[in-house]
């Protein structure tokens, strides 16, 4: 809704918002509803079989929120100062962590020691030898090149 709400509309939305906690519950993962269709959150139908989906604006909101949380989780890491002023390399690391999960830098201790030292060639060499690079070779190579070169293709 892009237009301003009337007082009646705002009051109705506030009431239904509160009631949905009781009526739908709040479930933070995909689950089958009472008819077996995939649903998330508070009764949001996402099952393609029934016409459910997330809208582009919802996906964009979730992505912005998750990336913000990811960034907040790395600013105190010992390697962060090496990339704090380098958006391309930071983007590469965030992409990697988005794929592997926050805290994945702990599983790549040697690579991140190289990153902290701004030894981009050895960081890249080490990352290329990882299971991650073998499992998702195209994506990993693209991300590794960001870290290695500091240039976004």
Protein backbone atom coordinates (compact mmCIF):
# COMPACT_ATOMS: atom_id res chain seq x y z
CA UNK A 1 0.00 0.00 0.00
CA UNK A 2 1.61 3.26 -1.08
CA UNK A 3 -1.02 5.80 -0.07
CA UNK A 4 -1.49 7.10 3.46
CA UNK A 5 -3.82 5.06 5.63
CA UNK A 6 -6.97 6.48 7.16
CA UNK A 7 -7.34 6.19 10.93
CA UNK A 8 -9.90 3.39 10.40
CA UNK A 9 -7.57 1.48 8.09
CA UNK A 10 -4.62 1.85 10.48
CA UNK A 11 -6.73 0.68 13.44
CA UNK A 12 -8.04 -2.32 11.47
CA UNK A 13 -4.53 -3.32 10.35
CA UNK A 14 -3.24 -3.06 13.92
CA UNK A 15 -6.07 -5.29 15.17
CA UNK A 16 -5.65 -7.95 12.50
CA UNK A 17 -1.88 -7.87 12.99
CA UNK A 18 -2.35 -8.69 16.68
CA UNK A 19 -5.05 -11.29 16.00
CA UNK A 20 -2.90 -13.11 13.44
CA UNK A 21 -0.39 -13.98 16.16
CA UNK A 22 -3.16 -16.01 17.79
CA UNK A 23 -4.92 -17.22 14.65
CA UNK A 24 -1.88 -18.19 12.59
CA UNK A 25 0.96 -18.41 15.09
CA UNK A 26 4.47 -17.32 14.24
CA UNK A 27 6.61 -20.09 12.82
CA UNK A 28 10.10 -19.07 11.66
CA UNK A 29 10.51 -21.81 9.03
CA UNK A 30 8.55 -23.40 6.19
CA UNK A 31 5.81 -25.74 7.39
CA UNK A 32 2.79 -27.48 5.87
CA UNK A 33 -0.49 -25.75 6.69
CA UNK A 34 -3.63 -27.69 7.63
CA UNK A 35 -4.10 -28.63 3.96
CA UNK A 36 -0.46 -29.60 3.44
CA UNK A 37 0.63 -26.47 1.53
CA UNK A 38 3.98 -24.86 2.33
CA UNK A 39 3.59 -21.78 4.47
CA UNK A 40 5.99 -19.53 6.37
CA UNK A 41 5.91 -17.02 9.20
CA UNK A 42 2.36 -16.14 10.03
CA UNK A 43 0.39 -18.13 7.51
CA UNK A 44 2.06 -16.78 4.38
CA UNK A 45 1.36 -19.28 1.60
CA UNK A 46 4.50 -19.91 -0.46
CA UNK A 47 3.51 -23.20 -2.08
CA UNK A 48 3.66 -22.88 -5.87
CA UNK A 49 1.03 -25.64 -6.24
CA UNK A 50 -1.54 -23.31 -4.69
CA UNK A 51 -0.27 -20.07 -6.27
CA UNK A 52 1.73 -19.00 -3.25
CA UNK A 53 4.97 -17.07 -3.48
CA UNK A 54 7.01 -14.27 -2.03
CA UNK A 55 6.75 -10.96 -3.87
CA UNK A 56 9.90 -9.24 -5.18
CA UNK A 57 9.57 -6.51 -2.53
CA UNK A 58 9.42 -9.14 0.22
CA UNK A 59 12.49 -10.93 -1.13
CA UNK A 60 14.35 -7.61 -1.38
CA UNK A 61 13.38 -6.71 2.20
CA UNK A 62 14.51 -10.09 3.55
CA UNK A 63 17.78 -9.86 1.62
CA UNK A 64 18.54 -6.32 2.88
CA UNK A 65 17.78 -7.41 6.42
CA UNK A 66 19.89 -10.58 6.23
CA UNK A 67 22.82 -8.77 4.59
CA UNK A 68 22.66 -6.09 7.29
CA UNK A 69 22.79 -8.78 9.97
CA UNK A 70 25.68 -10.45 8.16
CA UNK A 71 27.62 -7.20 7.98
CA UNK A 72 26.97 -6.43 11.64
CA UNK A 73 28.37 -9.84 12.49
CA UNK A 74 31.74 -9.26 10.81
CA UNK A 75 32.73 -5.73 11.81
CA UNK A 76 34.49 -6.95 14.96
CA UNK A 77 36.35 -9.82 13.30
CA UNK A 78 40.16 -9.56 13.37
CA UNK A 79 40.34 -9.61 9.56
CA UNK A 80 37.72 -6.88 9.08
CA UNK A 81 40.11 -3.87 9.17
CA UNK A 82 41.85 -5.27 6.06
CA UNK A 83 38.62 -4.92 4.04
CA UNK A 84 36.81 -2.14 5.91
CA UNK A 85 37.66 0.38 3.17
CA UNK A 86 37.50 -2.10 0.31
CA UNK A 87 33.90 -2.65 -0.83
CA UNK A 88 34.74 -5.24 -3.48
CA UNK A 89 36.70 -7.55 -1.18
CA UNK A 90 34.17 -7.04 1.61
CA UNK A 91 31.39 -7.93 -0.84
CA UNK A 92 33.25 -11.10 -1.79
CA UNK A 93 33.56 -12.15 1.84
CA UNK A 94 29.91 -11.32 2.57
CA UNK A 95 28.82 -13.32 -0.48
CA UNK A 96 30.87 -16.28 0.74
CA UNK A 97 29.43 -16.01 4.25
CA UNK A 98 25.90 -15.62 2.90
CA UNK A 99 26.33 -18.91 1.08
CA UNK A 100 28.12 -20.80 3.85
CA UNK A 101 26.57 -19.17 6.89
CA UNK A 102 27.81 -16.47 9.22
CA UNK A 103 30.88 -17.50 11.15
CA UNK A 104 32.14 -19.52 8.20
CA UNK A 105 35.39 -17.57 8.44
CA UNK A 106 36.24 -19.82 11.39
CA UNK A 107 36.29 -22.80 9.03
CA UNK A 108 38.72 -20.90 6.78
CA UNK A 109 41.14 -19.77 9.49
CA UNK A 110 44.24 -19.83 7.27
CA UNK A 111 42.54 -17.96 4.44
CA UNK A 112 41.29 -15.29 6.80
CA UNK A 113 44.75 -14.89 8.34
CA UNK A 114 45.97 -14.11 4.82
CA UNK A 115 43.07 -11.70 4.36
CA UNK A 116 43.93 -9.94 7.64
CA UNK A 117 47.49 -9.52 6.33
CA UNK A 118 46.17 -8.30 2.94
CA UNK A 119 47.99 -11.21 1.31
CA UNK A 120 45.35 -11.55 -1.36
CA UNK A 121 47.26 -14.03 -3.55
CA UNK A 122 47.72 -16.57 -0.75
CA UNK A 123 44.18 -16.04 0.51
CA UNK A 124 42.89 -16.82 -2.98
CA UNK A 125 45.21 -19.81 -3.37
CA UNK A 126 44.05 -21.20 -0.05
CA UNK A 127 40.37 -20.61 -0.80
CA UNK A 128 40.70 -22.38 -4.16
CA UNK A 129 41.83 -25.52 -2.32
CA UNK A 130 38.73 -25.61 -0.12
CA UNK A 131 35.80 -28.00 -0.26
CA UNK A 132 33.61 -24.92 -0.86
CA UNK A 133 35.52 -24.19 -4.10
CA UNK A 134 35.06 -27.80 -5.21
CA UNK A 135 31.34 -27.92 -4.34
CA UNK A 136 30.36 -24.65 -6.04
CA UNK A 137 33.24 -24.00 -8.43
CA UNK A 138 31.77 -21.23 -10.61
CA UNK A 139 30.46 -19.15 -7.72
CA UNK A 140 33.51 -19.76 -5.56
CA UNK A 141 35.90 -18.76 -8.33
CA UNK A 142 33.97 -15.55 -9.01
CA UNK A 143 33.98 -14.67 -5.28
CA UNK A 144 37.64 -15.64 -4.88
CA UNK A 145 38.55 -13.32 -7.78
CA UNK A 146 36.82 -10.45 -5.96
CA UNK A 147 38.95 -11.11 -2.89
CA UNK A 148 42.11 -11.68 -4.92
CA UNK A 149 41.88 -8.68 -7.26
CA UNK A 150 39.67 -6.18 -5.46
CA UNK A 151 37.91 -5.66 -8.80
CA UNK A 152 34.25 -6.35 -9.50
CA UNK A 153 33.82 -7.83 -12.97
